[in-house]
Amino acid sequence: MAKSTIAFSALLLACFALFELGFAGHIPQPAPGYDSSLELCIKNMTEECGIEIFQNIVHKGPEITDSCCGVLLKFGHPCHSELILTVLSTGKFASREVEILQKSTAAWKRCRSIVEGQ
């Protein structure tokens, strides 16, 4: 599979960030230790929800909608965690890594409670 296709699939959320930050012409390469399982993960995420989740976790955007919470849970916790770590591995958000990890955990827990009614 072409390297650019792998990079797009693996770094979908990172690409959204780069487009927002004005780096649309530079698609990052896969992070060290790229795992092809990310490619399978991406198939369970919609572009709309990917942007919404990314905005919430990385840019202090509004809460994730109930429908995107359902998509996030379908995406799965291992995929969510792996993709967040991949986004962080780009170095673009190094100064906010702890905050982003905390927001990621909070978003997952909130969505799980909404979807599963816990």
PDB file of N, CA and C in Angstrom:
ATOM      1  N   MET A   1       0.851  -1.172   0.000  1.00  0.00           N
ATOM      2  CA  MET A   1       0.000   0.000   0.000  1.00  0.00           C
ATOM      3  C   MET A   1       0.892   1.228   0.000  1.00  0.00           C
ATOM      4  N   ALA A   2       0.533   2.244  -0.733  1.00  0.00           N
ATOM      5  CA  ALA A   2       1.344   3.446  -0.851  1.00  0.00           C
ATOM      6  C   ALA A   2       1.502   4.119   0.500  1.00  0.00           C
ATOM      7  N   LYS A   3       2.671   4.679   0.734  1.00  0.00           N
ATOM      8  CA  LYS A   3       2.969   5.310   2.008  1.00  0.00           C
ATOM      9  C   LYS A   3       1.997   6.448   2.323  1.00  0.00           C
ATOM     10  N   SER A   4       1.613   7.230   1.316  1.00  0.00           N
ATOM     11  CA  SER A   4       0.695   8.342   1.561  1.00  0.00           C
ATOM     12  C   SER A   4      -0.690   7.848   1.961  1.00  0.00           C
ATOM     13  N   THR A   5      -1.120   6.710   1.409  1.00  0.00           N
ATOM     14  CA  THR A   5      -2.410   6.141   1.787  1.00  0.00           C
ATOM     15  C   THR A   5      -2.373   5.657   3.224  1.00  0.00           C
ATOM     16  N   ILE A   6      -1.293   5.017   3.601  1.00  0.00           N
ATOM     17  CA  ILE A   6      -1.138   4.551   4.980  1.00  0.00           C
ATOM     18  C   ILE A   6      -1.123   5.745   5.919  1.00  0.00           C
ATOM     19  N   ALA A   7      -0.389   6.782   5.561  1.00  0.00           N
ATOM     20  CA  ALA A   7      -0.308   7.969   6.411  1.00  0.00           C
ATOM     21  C   ALA A   7      -1.683   8.600   6.589  1.00  0.00           C
ATOM     22  N   PHE A   8      -2.447   8.690   5.502  1.00  0.00           N
ATOM     23  CA  PHE A   8      -3.784   9.267   5.605  1.00  0.00           C
ATOM     24  C   PHE A   8      -4.664   8.430   6.516  1.00  0.00           C
ATOM     25  N   SER A   9      -4.647   7.132   6.321  1.00  0.00           N
ATOM     26  CA  SER A   9      -5.490   6.258   7.127  1.00  0.00           C
ATOM     27  C   SER A   9      -5.094   6.293   8.594  1.00  0.00           C
ATOM     28  N   ALA A  10      -3.812   6.214   8.855  1.00  0.00           N
ATOM     29  CA  ALA A  10      -3.331   6.135  10.234  1.00  0.00           C
ATOM     30  C   ALA A  10      -3.452   7.443  10.975  1.00  0.00           C
ATOM     31  N   LEU A  11      -3.361   8.527  10.273  1.00  0.00           N
ATOM     32  CA  LEU A  11      -3.317   9.833  10.934  1.00  0.00           C
ATOM     33  C   LEU A  11      -4.504  10.709  10.557  1.00  0.00           C
ATOM     34  N   LEU A  12      -5.669  10.112  10.408  1.00  0.00           N
ATOM     35  CA  LEU A  12      -6.858  10.852  10.012  1.00  0.00           C
ATOM     36  C   LEU A  12      -7.092  12.059  10.921  1.00  0.00           C
ATOM     37  N   LEU A  13      -7.097  11.858  12.203  1.00  0.00           N
ATOM     38  CA  LEU A  13      -7.342  12.968  13.118  1.00  0.00           C
ATOM     39  C   LEU A  13      -6.193  13.961  13.101  1.00  0.00           C
ATOM     40  N   ALA A  14      -4.969  13.465  12.962  1.00  0.00           N
ATOM     41  CA  ALA A  14      -3.828  14.377  12.888  1.00  0.00           C
ATOM     42  C   ALA A  14      -3.925  15.238  11.643  1.00  0.00           C
ATOM     43  N   CYS A  15      -4.372  14.672  10.555  1.00  0.00           N
ATOM     44  CA  CYS A  15      -4.519  15.438   9.315  1.00  0.00           C
ATOM     45  C   CYS A  15      -5.547  16.544   9.479  1.00  0.00           C
ATOM     46  N   PHE A  16      -6.644  16.244  10.189  1.00  0.00           N
ATOM     47  CA  PHE A  16      -7.633  17.287  10.441  1.00  0.00           C
ATOM     48  C   PHE A  16      -6.967  18.445  11.164  1.00  0.00           C
ATOM     49  N   ALA A  17      -6.135  18.140  12.125  1.00  0.00           N
ATOM     50  CA  ALA A  17      -5.442  19.187  12.885  1.00  0.00           C
ATOM     51  C   ALA A  17      -4.510  19.963  11.987  1.00  0.00           C
ATOM     52  N   LEU A  18      -3.764  19.276  11.154  1.00  0.00           N
ATOM     53  CA  LEU A  18      -2.817  19.948  10.280  1.00  0.00           C
ATOM     54  C   LEU A  18      -3.521  20.842   9.281  1.00  0.00           C
ATOM     55  N   PHE A  19      -4.672  20.413   8.772  1.00  0.00           N
ATOM     56  CA  PHE A  19      -5.428  21.250   7.858  1.00  0.00           C
ATOM     57  C   PHE A  19      -5.870  22.522   8.571  1.00  0.00           C
ATOM     58  N   GLU A  20      -6.339  22.378   9.802  1.00  0.00           N
ATOM     59  CA  GLU A  20      -6.773  23.531  10.574  1.00  0.00           C
ATOM     60  C   GLU A  20      -5.617  24.467  10.877  1.00  0.00           C
ATOM     61  N   LEU A  21      -4.456  23.923  11.107  1.00  0.00           N
ATOM     62  CA  LEU A  21      -3.295  24.730  11.459  1.00  0.00           C
ATOM     63  C   LEU A  21      -2.586  25.300  10.236  1.00  0.00           C
ATOM     64  N   GLY A  22      -3.103  25.005   9.045  1.00  0.00           N
ATOM     65  CA  GLY A  22      -2.517  25.563   7.842  1.00  0.00           C
ATOM     66  C   GLY A  22      -1.401  24.738   7.244  1.00  0.00           C
ATOM     67  N   PHE A  23      -1.291  23.482   7.618  1.00  0.00           N
ATOM     68  CA  PHE A  23      -0.247  22.619   7.098  1.00  0.00           C
ATOM     69  C   PHE A  23      -0.807  21.627   6.081  1.00  0.00           C
ATOM     70  N   ALA A  24      -1.831  22.031   5.348  1.00  0.00           N
ATOM     71  CA  ALA A  24      -2.507  21.118   4.430  1.00  0.00           C
ATOM     72  C   ALA A  24      -1.574  20.528   3.391  1.00  0.00           C
ATOM     73  N   GLY A  25      -0.516  21.230   3.050  1.00  0.00           N
ATOM     74  CA  GLY A  25       0.403  20.720   2.041  1.00  0.00           C
ATOM     75  C   GLY A  25       1.377  19.690   2.562  1.00  0.00           C
ATOM     76  N   HIS A  26       1.387  19.470   3.869  1.00  0.00           N
ATOM     77  CA  HIS A  26       2.345  18.538   4.465  1.00  0.00           C
ATOM     78  C   HIS A  26       1.610  17.438   5.211  1.00  0.00           C
ATOM     79  N   ILE A  27       1.501  16.282   4.617  1.00  0.00           N
ATOM     80  CA  ILE A  27       0.877  15.131   5.263  1.00  0.00           C
ATOM     81  C   ILE A  27       1.975  14.394   6.018  1.00  0.00           C
ATOM     82  N   PRO A  28       1.806  14.189   7.331  1.00  0.00           N
ATOM     83  CA  PRO A  28       2.859  13.532   8.097  1.00  0.00           C
ATOM     84  C   PRO A  28       3.012  12.064   7.716  1.00  0.00           C
ATOM     85  N   GLN A  29       4.196  11.563   7.934  1.00  0.00           N
ATOM     86  CA  GLN A  29       4.463  10.148   7.721  1.00  0.00           C
ATOM     87  C   GLN A  29       3.975   9.385   8.950  1.00  0.00           C
ATOM     88  N   PRO A  30       3.746   8.089   8.823  1.00  0.00           N
ATOM     89  CA  PRO A  30       3.309   7.321   9.987  1.00  0.00           C
ATOM     90  C   PRO A  30       4.298   7.455  11.127  1.00  0.00           C
ATOM     91  N   ALA A  31       3.763   7.432  12.323  1.00  0.00           N
ATOM     92  CA  ALA A  31       4.596   7.526  13.518  1.00  0.00           C
ATOM     93  C   ALA A  31       5.477   6.286  13.624  1.00  0.00           C
ATOM     94  N   PRO A  32       6.617   6.424  14.309  1.00  0.00           N
ATOM     95  CA  PRO A  32       7.443   5.226  14.534  1.00  0.00           C
ATOM     96  C   PRO A  32       6.593   4.150  15.215  1.00  0.00           C
ATOM     97  N   GLY A  33       6.744   2.936  14.790  1.00  0.00           N
ATOM     98  CA  GLY A  33       5.966   1.845  15.365  1.00  0.00           C
ATOM     99  C   GLY A  33       4.556   1.772  14.815  1.00  0.00           C
ATOM    100  N   TYR A  34       4.317   2.449  13.688  1.00  0.00           N
ATOM    101  CA  TYR A  34       2.994   2.409  13.068  1.00  0.00           C
ATOM    102  C   TYR A  34       2.495   0.973  13.004  1.00  0.00           C
ATOM    103  N   ASP A  35       1.265   0.796  13.384  1.00  0.00           N
ATOM    104  CA  ASP A  35       0.659  -0.523  13.388  1.00  0.00           C
ATOM    105  C   ASP A  35      -0.466  -0.529  12.360  1.00  0.00           C
ATOM    106  N   SER A  36      -0.457  -1.513  11.481  1.00  0.00           N
ATOM    107  CA  SER A  36      -1.482  -1.558  10.432  1.00  0.00           C
ATOM    108  C   SER A  36      -2.888  -1.707  10.999  1.00  0.00           C
ATOM    109  N   SER A  37      -3.007  -2.026  12.288  1.00  0.00           N
ATOM    110  CA  SER A  37      -4.338  -2.114  12.888  1.00  0.00           C
ATOM    111  C   SER A  37      -5.041  -0.762  12.865  1.00  0.00           C
ATOM    112  N   LEU A  38      -4.279   0.335  12.835  1.00  0.00           N
ATOM    113  CA  LEU A  38      -4.905   1.655  12.743  1.00  0.00           C
ATOM    114  C   LEU A  38      -5.718   1.791  11.464  1.00  0.00           C
ATOM    115  N   GLU A  39      -5.234   1.180  10.413  1.00  0.00           N
ATOM    116  CA  GLU A  39      -5.969   1.246   9.153  1.00  0.00           C
ATOM    117  C   GLU A  39      -7.357   0.621   9.321  1.00  0.00           C
ATOM    118  N   LEU A  40      -7.428  -0.469  10.056  1.00  0.00           N
ATOM    119  CA  LEU A  40      -8.724  -1.103  10.316  1.00  0.00           C
ATOM    120  C   LEU A  40      -9.579  -0.239  11.234  1.00  0.00           C
ATOM    121  N   CYS A  41      -8.934   0.411  12.199  1.00  0.00           N
ATOM    122  CA  CYS A  41      -9.660   1.280  13.126  1.00  0.00           C
ATOM    123  C   CYS A  41     -10.375   2.411  12.391  1.00  0.00           C
ATOM    124  N   ILE A  42      -9.678   3.016  11.461  1.00  0.00           N
ATOM    125  CA  ILE A  42     -10.199   4.186  10.764  1.00  0.00           C
ATOM    126  C   ILE A  42     -11.521   3.883  10.072  1.00  0.00           C
ATOM    127  N   LYS A  43     -11.716   2.645   9.669  1.00  0.00           N
ATOM    128  CA  LYS A  43     -12.954   2.279   8.971  1.00  0.00           C
ATOM    129  C   LYS A  43     -14.188   2.457   9.848  1.00  0.00           C
ATOM    130  N   ASN A  44     -14.008   2.506  11.165  1.00  0.00           N
ATOM    131  CA  ASN A  44     -15.131   2.667  12.087  1.00  0.00           C
ATOM    132  C   ASN A  44     -15.350   4.120  12.506  1.00  0.00           C
ATOM    133  N   MET A  45     -14.608   5.056  11.895  1.00  0.00           N
ATOM    134  CA  MET A  45     -14.736   6.462  12.262  1.00  0.00           C
ATOM    135  C   MET A  45     -15.214   7.256  11.053  1.00  0.00           C
ATOM    136  N   THR A  46     -16.215   8.108  11.273  1.00  0.00           N
ATOM    137  CA  THR A  46     -16.660   8.992  10.202  1.00  0.00           C
ATOM    138  C   THR A  46     -15.834  10.269  10.230  1.00  0.00           C
ATOM    139  N   GLU A  47     -15.744  10.926   9.093  1.00  0.00           N
ATOM    140  CA  GLU A  47     -14.985  12.181   9.031  1.00  0.00           C
ATOM    141  C   GLU A  47     -15.613  13.223   9.963  1.00  0.00           C
ATOM    142  N   GLU A  48     -16.929  13.339   9.924  1.00  0.00           N
ATOM    143  CA  GLU A  48     -17.626  14.326  10.755  1.00  0.00           C
ATOM    144  C   GLU A  48     -17.333  14.109  12.241  1.00  0.00           C
ATOM    145  N   CYS A  49     -17.447  12.864  12.683  1.00  0.00           N
ATOM    146  CA  CYS A  49     -17.204  12.582  14.096  1.00  0.00           C
ATOM    147  C   CYS A  49     -15.716  12.669  14.430  1.00  0.00           C
ATOM    148  N   GLY A  50     -14.866  12.300  13.496  1.00  0.00           N
ATOM    149  CA  GLY A  50     -13.429  12.436  13.726  1.00  0.00           C
ATOM    150  C   GLY A  50     -13.054  13.882  14.005  1.00  0.00           C
ATOM    151  N   ILE A  51     -13.619  14.795  13.216  1.00  0.00           N
ATOM    152  CA  ILE A  51     -13.350  16.221  13.419  1.00  0.00           C
ATOM    153  C   ILE A  51     -13.918  16.678  14.758  1.00  0.00           C
ATOM    154  N   GLU A  52     -15.146  16.281  15.035  1.00  0.00           N
ATOM    155  CA  GLU A  52     -15.799  16.689  16.283  1.00  0.00           C
ATOM    156  C   GLU A  52     -15.022  16.202  17.507  1.00  0.00           C
ATOM    157  N   ILE A  53     -14.611  14.945  17.487  1.00  0.00           N
ATOM    158  CA  ILE A  53     -13.868  14.363  18.606  1.00  0.00           C
ATOM    159  C   ILE A  53     -12.517  15.056  18.745  1.00  0.00           C
ATOM    160  N   PHE A  54     -11.849  15.271  17.620  1.00  0.00           N
ATOM    161  CA  PHE A  54     -10.549  15.948  17.636  1.00  0.00           C
ATOM    162  C   PHE A  54     -10.691  17.355  18.213  1.00  0.00           C
ATOM    163  N   GLN A  55     -11.711  18.089  17.765  1.00  0.00           N
ATOM    164  CA  GLN A  55     -11.938  19.449  18.276  1.00  0.00           C
ATOM    165  C   GLN A  55     -12.131  19.427  19.783  1.00  0.00           C
ATOM    166  N   ASN A  56     -12.906  18.480  20.268  1.00  0.00           N
ATOM    167  CA  ASN A  56     -13.178  18.387  21.692  1.00  0.00           C
ATOM    168  C   ASN A  56     -11.915  18.088  22.489  1.00  0.00           C
ATOM    169  N   ILE A  57     -11.138  17.151  22.024  1.00  0.00           N
ATOM    170  CA  ILE A  57      -9.978  16.698  22.788  1.00  0.00           C
ATOM    171  C   ILE A  57      -8.788  17.639  22.642  1.00  0.00           C
ATOM    172  N   VAL A  58      -8.527  18.107  21.449  1.00  0.00           N
ATOM    173  CA  VAL A  58      -7.306  18.873  21.198  1.00  0.00           C
ATOM    174  C   VAL A  58      -7.521  20.385  21.244  1.00  0.00           C
ATOM    175  N   HIS A  59      -8.676  20.847  20.809  1.00  0.00           N
ATOM    176  CA  HIS A  59      -8.888  22.288  20.710  1.00  0.00           C
ATOM    177  C   HIS A  59      -9.937  22.812  21.673  1.00  0.00           C
ATOM    178  N   LYS A  60     -10.271  22.070  22.704  1.00  0.00           N
ATOM    179  CA  LYS A  60     -11.236  22.523  23.707  1.00  0.00           C
ATOM    180  C   LYS A  60     -12.569  22.902  23.068  1.00  0.00           C
ATOM    181  N   GLY A  61     -12.948  22.135  22.063  1.00  0.00           N
ATOM    182  CA  GLY A  61     -14.213  22.369  21.368  1.00  0.00           C
ATOM    183  C   GLY A  61     -15.389  21.928  22.213  1.00  0.00           C
ATOM    184  N   PRO A  62     -16.589  22.047  21.643  1.00  0.00           N
ATOM    185  CA  PRO A  62     -17.795  21.665  22.380  1.00  0.00           C
ATOM    186  C   PRO A  62     -17.820  20.162  22.681  1.00  0.00           C
ATOM    187  N   GLU A  63     -18.705  19.789  23.589  1.00  0.00           N
ATOM    188  CA  GLU A  63     -18.852  18.380  23.944  1.00  0.00           C
ATOM    189  C   GLU A  63     -19.153  17.544  22.702  1.00  0.00           C
ATOM    190  N   ILE A  64     -18.745  16.316  22.740  1.00  0.00           N
ATOM    191  CA  ILE A  64     -19.004  15.380  21.648  1.00  0.00           C
ATOM    192  C   ILE A  64     -20.495  15.042  21.677  1.00  0.00           C
ATOM    193  N   THR A  65     -21.140  15.095  20.525  1.00  0.00           N
ATOM    194  CA  THR A  65     -22.570  14.800  20.453  1.00  0.00           C
ATOM    195  C   THR A  65     -22.824  13.324  20.773  1.00  0.00           C
ATOM    196  N   ASP A  66     -24.048  13.036  21.167  1.00  0.00           N
ATOM    197  CA  ASP A  66     -24.417  11.660  21.487  1.00  0.00           C
ATOM    198  C   ASP A  66     -24.176  10.725  20.301  1.00  0.00           C
ATOM    199  N   SER A  67     -24.497  11.191  19.093  1.00  0.00           N
ATOM    200  CA  SER A  67     -24.317  10.320  17.932  1.00  0.00           C
ATOM    201  C   SER A  67     -22.834  10.028  17.690  1.00  0.00           C
ATOM    202  N   CYS A  68     -21.976  11.023  17.870  1.00  0.00           N
ATOM    203  CA  CYS A  68     -20.544  10.780  17.693  1.00  0.00           C
ATOM    204  C   CYS A  68     -19.972   9.980  18.858  1.00  0.00           C
ATOM    205  N   CYS A  69     -20.602  10.059  20.026  1.00  0.00           N
ATOM    206  CA  CYS A  69     -20.189   9.186  21.132  1.00  0.00           C
ATOM    207  C   CYS A  69     -20.404   7.725  20.734  1.00  0.00           C
ATOM    208  N   GLY A  70     -21.525   7.456  20.056  1.00  0.00           N
ATOM    209  CA  GLY A  70     -21.780   6.100  19.575  1.00  0.00           C
ATOM    210  C   GLY A  70     -20.719   5.649  18.589  1.00  0.00           C
ATOM    211  N   VAL A  71     -20.316   6.552  17.702  1.00  0.00           N
ATOM    212  CA  VAL A  71     -19.271   6.235  16.725  1.00  0.00           C
ATOM    213  C   VAL A  71     -17.944   5.990  17.452  1.00  0.00           C
ATOM    214  N   LEU A  72     -17.646   6.817  18.462  1.00  0.00           N
ATOM    215  CA  LEU A  72     -16.406   6.650  19.220  1.00  0.00           C
ATOM    216  C   LEU A  72     -16.359   5.289  19.905  1.00  0.00           C
ATOM    217  N   LEU A  73     -17.476   4.871  20.501  1.00  0.00           N
ATOM    218  CA  LEU A  73     -17.477   3.565  21.148  1.00  0.00           C
ATOM    219  C   LEU A  73     -17.355   2.432  20.138  1.00  0.00           C
ATOM    220  N   LYS A  74     -17.950   2.589  18.982  1.00  0.00           N
ATOM    221  CA  LYS A  74     -17.786   1.587  17.919  1.00  0.00           C
ATOM    222  C   LYS A  74     -16.336   1.551  17.456  1.00  0.00           C
ATOM    223  N   PHE A  75     -15.697   2.709  17.430  1.00  0.00           N
ATOM    224  CA  PHE A  75     -14.282   2.835  17.081  1.00  0.00           C
ATOM    225  C   PHE A  75     -13.455   1.973  18.033  1.00  0.00           C
ATOM    226  N   GLY A  76     -13.839   1.975  19.307  1.00  0.00           N
ATOM    227  CA  GLY A  76     -13.189   1.119  20.302  1.00  0.00           C
ATOM    228  C   GLY A  76     -12.088   1.828  21.077  1.00  0.00           C
ATOM    229  N   HIS A  77     -11.958   1.462  22.332  1.00  0.00           N
ATOM    230  CA  HIS A  77     -10.963   2.096  23.202  1.00  0.00           C
ATOM    231  C   HIS A  77      -9.532   1.862  22.728  1.00  0.00           C
ATOM    232  N   PRO A  78      -9.162   0.640  22.313  1.00  0.00           N
ATOM    233  CA  PRO A  78      -7.784   0.460  21.830  1.00  0.00           C
ATOM    234  C   PRO A  78      -7.472   1.353  20.621  1.00  0.00           C
ATOM    235  N   CYS A  79      -8.419   1.469  19.695  1.00  0.00           N
ATOM    236  CA  CYS A  79      -8.198   2.321  18.520  1.00  0.00           C
ATOM    237  C   CYS A  79      -8.113   3.788  18.936  1.00  0.00           C
ATOM    238  N   HIS A  80      -8.997   4.212  19.817  1.00  0.00           N
ATOM    239  CA  HIS A  80      -9.002   5.595  20.294  1.00  0.00           C
ATOM    240  C   HIS A  80      -7.657   5.927  20.944  1.00  0.00           C
ATOM    241  N   SER A  81      -7.218   5.075  21.844  1.00  0.00           N
ATOM    242  CA  SER A  81      -5.946   5.315  22.544  1.00  0.00           C
ATOM    243  C   SER A  81      -4.771   5.330  21.582  1.00  0.00           C
ATOM    244  N   GLU A  82      -4.743   4.379  20.675  1.00  0.00           N
ATOM    245  CA  GLU A  82      -3.640   4.286  19.729  1.00  0.00           C
ATOM    246  C   GLU A  82      -3.599   5.503  18.806  1.00  0.00           C
ATOM    247  N   LEU A  83      -4.757   5.958  18.375  1.00  0.00           N
ATOM    248  CA  LEU A  83      -4.789   7.106  17.479  1.00  0.00           C
ATOM    249  C   LEU A  83      -4.400   8.394  18.213  1.00  0.00           C
ATOM    250  N   ILE A  84      -4.831   8.549  19.449  1.00  0.00           N
ATOM    251  CA  ILE A  84      -4.425   9.728  20.230  1.00  0.00           C
ATOM    252  C   ILE A  84      -2.908   9.730  20.401  1.00  0.00           C
ATOM    253  N   LEU A  85      -2.330   8.587  20.705  1.00  0.00           N
ATOM    254  CA  LEU A  85      -0.874   8.508  20.843  1.00  0.00           C
ATOM    255  C   LEU A  85      -0.173   8.805  19.522  1.00  0.00           C
ATOM    256  N   THR A  86      -0.777   8.393  18.424  1.00  0.00           N
ATOM    257  CA  THR A  86      -0.210   8.686  17.105  1.00  0.00           C
ATOM    258  C   THR A  86      -0.247  10.182  16.834  1.00  0.00           C
ATOM    259  N   VAL A  87      -1.374  10.821  17.165  1.00  0.00           N
ATOM    260  CA  VAL A  87      -1.481  12.271  16.999  1.00  0.00           C
ATOM    261  C   VAL A  87      -0.405  12.965  17.832  1.00  0.00           C
ATOM    262  N   LEU A  88      -0.246  12.533  19.064  1.00  0.00           N
ATOM    263  CA  LEU A  88       0.757  13.155  19.935  1.00  0.00           C
ATOM    264  C   LEU A  88       2.174  12.922  19.429  1.00  0.00           C
ATOM    265  N   SER A  89       2.397  11.808  18.768  1.00  0.00           N
ATOM    266  CA  SER A  89       3.738  11.495  18.287  1.00  0.00           C
ATOM    267  C   SER A  89       4.200  12.425  17.171  1.00  0.00           C
ATOM    268  N   THR A  90       3.283  13.207  16.583  1.00  0.00           N
ATOM    269  CA  THR A  90       3.674  14.157  15.549  1.00  0.00           C
ATOM    270  C   THR A  90       4.487  15.307  16.126  1.00  0.00           C
ATOM    271  N   GLY A  91       4.385  15.515  17.431  1.00  0.00           N
ATOM    272  CA  GLY A  91       5.116  16.594  18.083  1.00  0.00           C
ATOM    273  C   GLY A  91       4.411  17.936  18.031  1.00  0.00           C
ATOM    274  N   LYS A  92       3.329  18.037  17.303  1.00  0.00           N
ATOM    275  CA  LYS A  92       2.613  19.312  17.152  1.00  0.00           C
ATOM    276  C   LYS A  92       1.949  19.775  18.447  1.00  0.00           C
ATOM    277  N   PHE A  93       1.690  18.847  19.343  1.00  0.00           N
ATOM    278  CA  PHE A  93       0.967  19.172  20.567  1.00  0.00           C
ATOM    279  C   PHE A  93       1.767  18.785  21.816  1.00  0.00           C
ATOM    280  N   ALA A  94       3.086  18.746  21.683  1.00  0.00           N
ATOM    281  CA  ALA A  94       3.951  18.276  22.771  1.00  0.00           C
ATOM    282  C   ALA A  94       3.755  19.061  24.063  1.00  0.00           C
ATOM    283  N   SER A  95       3.546  20.350  23.960  1.00  0.00           N
ATOM    284  CA  SER A  95       3.408  21.168  25.166  1.00  0.00           C
ATOM    285  C   SER A  95       2.093  20.917  25.905  1.00  0.00           C
ATOM    286  N   ARG A  96       1.152  20.251  25.238  1.00  0.00           N
ATOM    287  CA  ARG A  96      -0.162  19.989  25.838  1.00  0.00           C
ATOM    288  C   ARG A  96      -0.456  18.501  25.968  1.00  0.00           C
ATOM    289  N   GLU A  97       0.580  17.677  25.925  1.00  0.00           N
ATOM    290  CA  GLU A  97       0.382  16.227  25.906  1.00  0.00           C
ATOM    291  C   GLU A  97      -0.432  15.726  27.095  1.00  0.00           C
ATOM    292  N   VAL A  98      -0.102  16.148  28.304  1.00  0.00           N
ATOM    293  CA  VAL A  98      -0.817  15.675  29.494  1.00  0.00           C
ATOM    294  C   VAL A  98      -2.278  16.099  29.425  1.00  0.00           C
ATOM    295  N   GLU A  99      -2.518  17.345  29.059  1.00  0.00           N
ATOM    296  CA  GLU A  99      -3.885  17.844  28.950  1.00  0.00           C
ATOM    297  C   GLU A  99      -4.684  17.051  27.915  1.00  0.00           C
ATOM    298  N   ILE A 100      -4.073  16.773  26.770  1.00  0.00           N
ATOM    299  CA  ILE A 100      -4.758  16.034  25.707  1.00  0.00           C
ATOM    300  C   ILE A 100      -5.056  14.603  26.149  1.00  0.00           C
ATOM    301  N   LEU A 101      -4.129  13.968  26.826  1.00  0.00           N
ATOM    302  CA  LEU A 101      -4.379  12.612  27.337  1.00  0.00           C
ATOM    303  C   LEU A 101      -5.518  12.612  28.353  1.00  0.00           C
ATOM    304  N   GLN A 102      -5.568  13.626  29.207  1.00  0.00           N
ATOM    305  CA  GLN A 102      -6.653  13.725  30.187  1.00  0.00           C
ATOM    306  C   GLN A 102      -7.988  13.964  29.493  1.00  0.00           C
ATOM    307  N   LYS A 103      -7.999  14.855  28.501  1.00  0.00           N
ATOM    308  CA  LYS A 103      -9.232  15.119  27.756  1.00  0.00           C
ATOM    309  C   LYS A 103      -9.690  13.881  26.994  1.00  0.00           C
ATOM    310  N   SER A 104      -8.730  13.123  26.472  1.00  0.00           N
ATOM    311  CA  SER A 104      -9.053  11.896  25.752  1.00  0.00           C
ATOM    312  C   SER A 104      -9.746  10.898  26.678  1.00  0.00           C
ATOM    313  N   THR A 105      -9.191  10.733  27.866  1.00  0.00           N
ATOM    314  CA  THR A 105      -9.774   9.814  28.856  1.00  0.00           C
ATOM    315  C   THR A 105     -11.163  10.298  29.272  1.00  0.00           C
ATOM    316  N   ALA A 106     -11.286  11.591  29.525  1.00  0.00           N
ATOM    317  CA  ALA A 106     -12.583  12.142  29.939  1.00  0.00           C
ATOM    318  C   ALA A 106     -13.626  11.981  28.833  1.00  0.00           C
ATOM    319  N   ALA A 107     -13.224  12.217  27.584  1.00  0.00           N
ATOM    320  CA  ALA A 107     -14.155  12.071  26.460  1.00  0.00           C
ATOM    321  C   ALA A 107     -14.625  10.624  26.345  1.00  0.00           C
ATOM    322  N   TRP A 108     -13.699   9.680  26.476  1.00  0.00           N
ATOM    323  CA  TRP A 108     -14.064   8.265  26.389  1.00  0.00           C
ATOM    324  C   TRP A 108     -15.047   7.893  27.492  1.00  0.00           C
ATOM    325  N   LYS A 109     -14.742   8.286  28.729  1.00  0.00           N
ATOM    326  CA  LYS A 109     -15.612   7.943  29.867  1.00  0.00           C
ATOM    327  C   LYS A 109     -16.994   8.576  29.706  1.00  0.00           C
ATOM    328  N   ARG A 110     -17.033   9.836  29.276  1.00  0.00           N
ATOM    329  CA  ARG A 110     -18.317  10.512  29.090  1.00  0.00           C
ATOM    330  C   ARG A 110     -19.137   9.823  28.006  1.00  0.00           C
ATOM    331  N   CYS A 111     -18.506   9.518  26.901  1.00  0.00           N
ATOM    332  CA  CYS A 111     -19.221   8.855  25.799  1.00  0.00           C
ATOM    333  C   CYS A 111     -19.707   7.470  26.207  1.00  0.00           C
ATOM    334  N   ARG A 112     -18.867   6.743  26.927  1.00  0.00           N
ATOM    335  CA  ARG A 112     -19.273   5.418  27.376  1.00  0.00           C
ATOM    336  C   ARG A 112     -20.502   5.519  28.284  1.00  0.00           C
ATOM    337  N   SER A 113     -20.503   6.510  29.170  1.00  0.00           N
ATOM    338  CA  SER A 113     -21.649   6.647  30.077  1.00  0.00           C
ATOM    339  C   SER A 113     -22.915   7.043  29.308  1.00  0.00           C
ATOM    340  N   ILE A 114     -22.767   7.837  28.271  1.00  0.00           N
ATOM    341  CA  ILE A 114     -23.929   8.222  27.453  1.00  0.00           C
ATOM    342  C   ILE A 114     -24.465   7.033  26.687  1.00  0.00           C
ATOM    343  N   VAL A 115     -23.582   6.309  26.022  1.00  0.00           N
ATOM    344  CA  VAL A 115     -24.003   5.208  25.153  1.00  0.00           C
ATOM    345  C   VAL A 115     -24.465   3.996  25.949  1.00  0.00           C
ATOM    346  N   GLU A 116     -23.725   3.670  26.986  1.00  0.00           N
ATOM    347  CA  GLU A 116     -24.041   2.477  27.770  1.00  0.00           C
ATOM    348  C   GLU A 116     -24.951   2.777  28.951  1.00  0.00           C
ATOM    349  N   GLY A 117     -25.228   4.050  29.187  1.00  0.00           N
ATOM    350  CA  GLY A 117     -26.113   4.442  30.280  1.00  0.00           C
ATOM    351  C   GLY A 117     -25.558   4.172  31.656  1.00  0.00           C
ATOM    352  N   GLN A 118     -24.249   4.258  31.787  1.00  0.00           N
ATOM    353  CA  GLN A 118     -23.625   3.995  33.099  1.00  0.00           C
ATOM    354  C   GLN A 118     -23.488   5.262  33.899  1.00  0.00           C
TER     355      GLN A 118
END
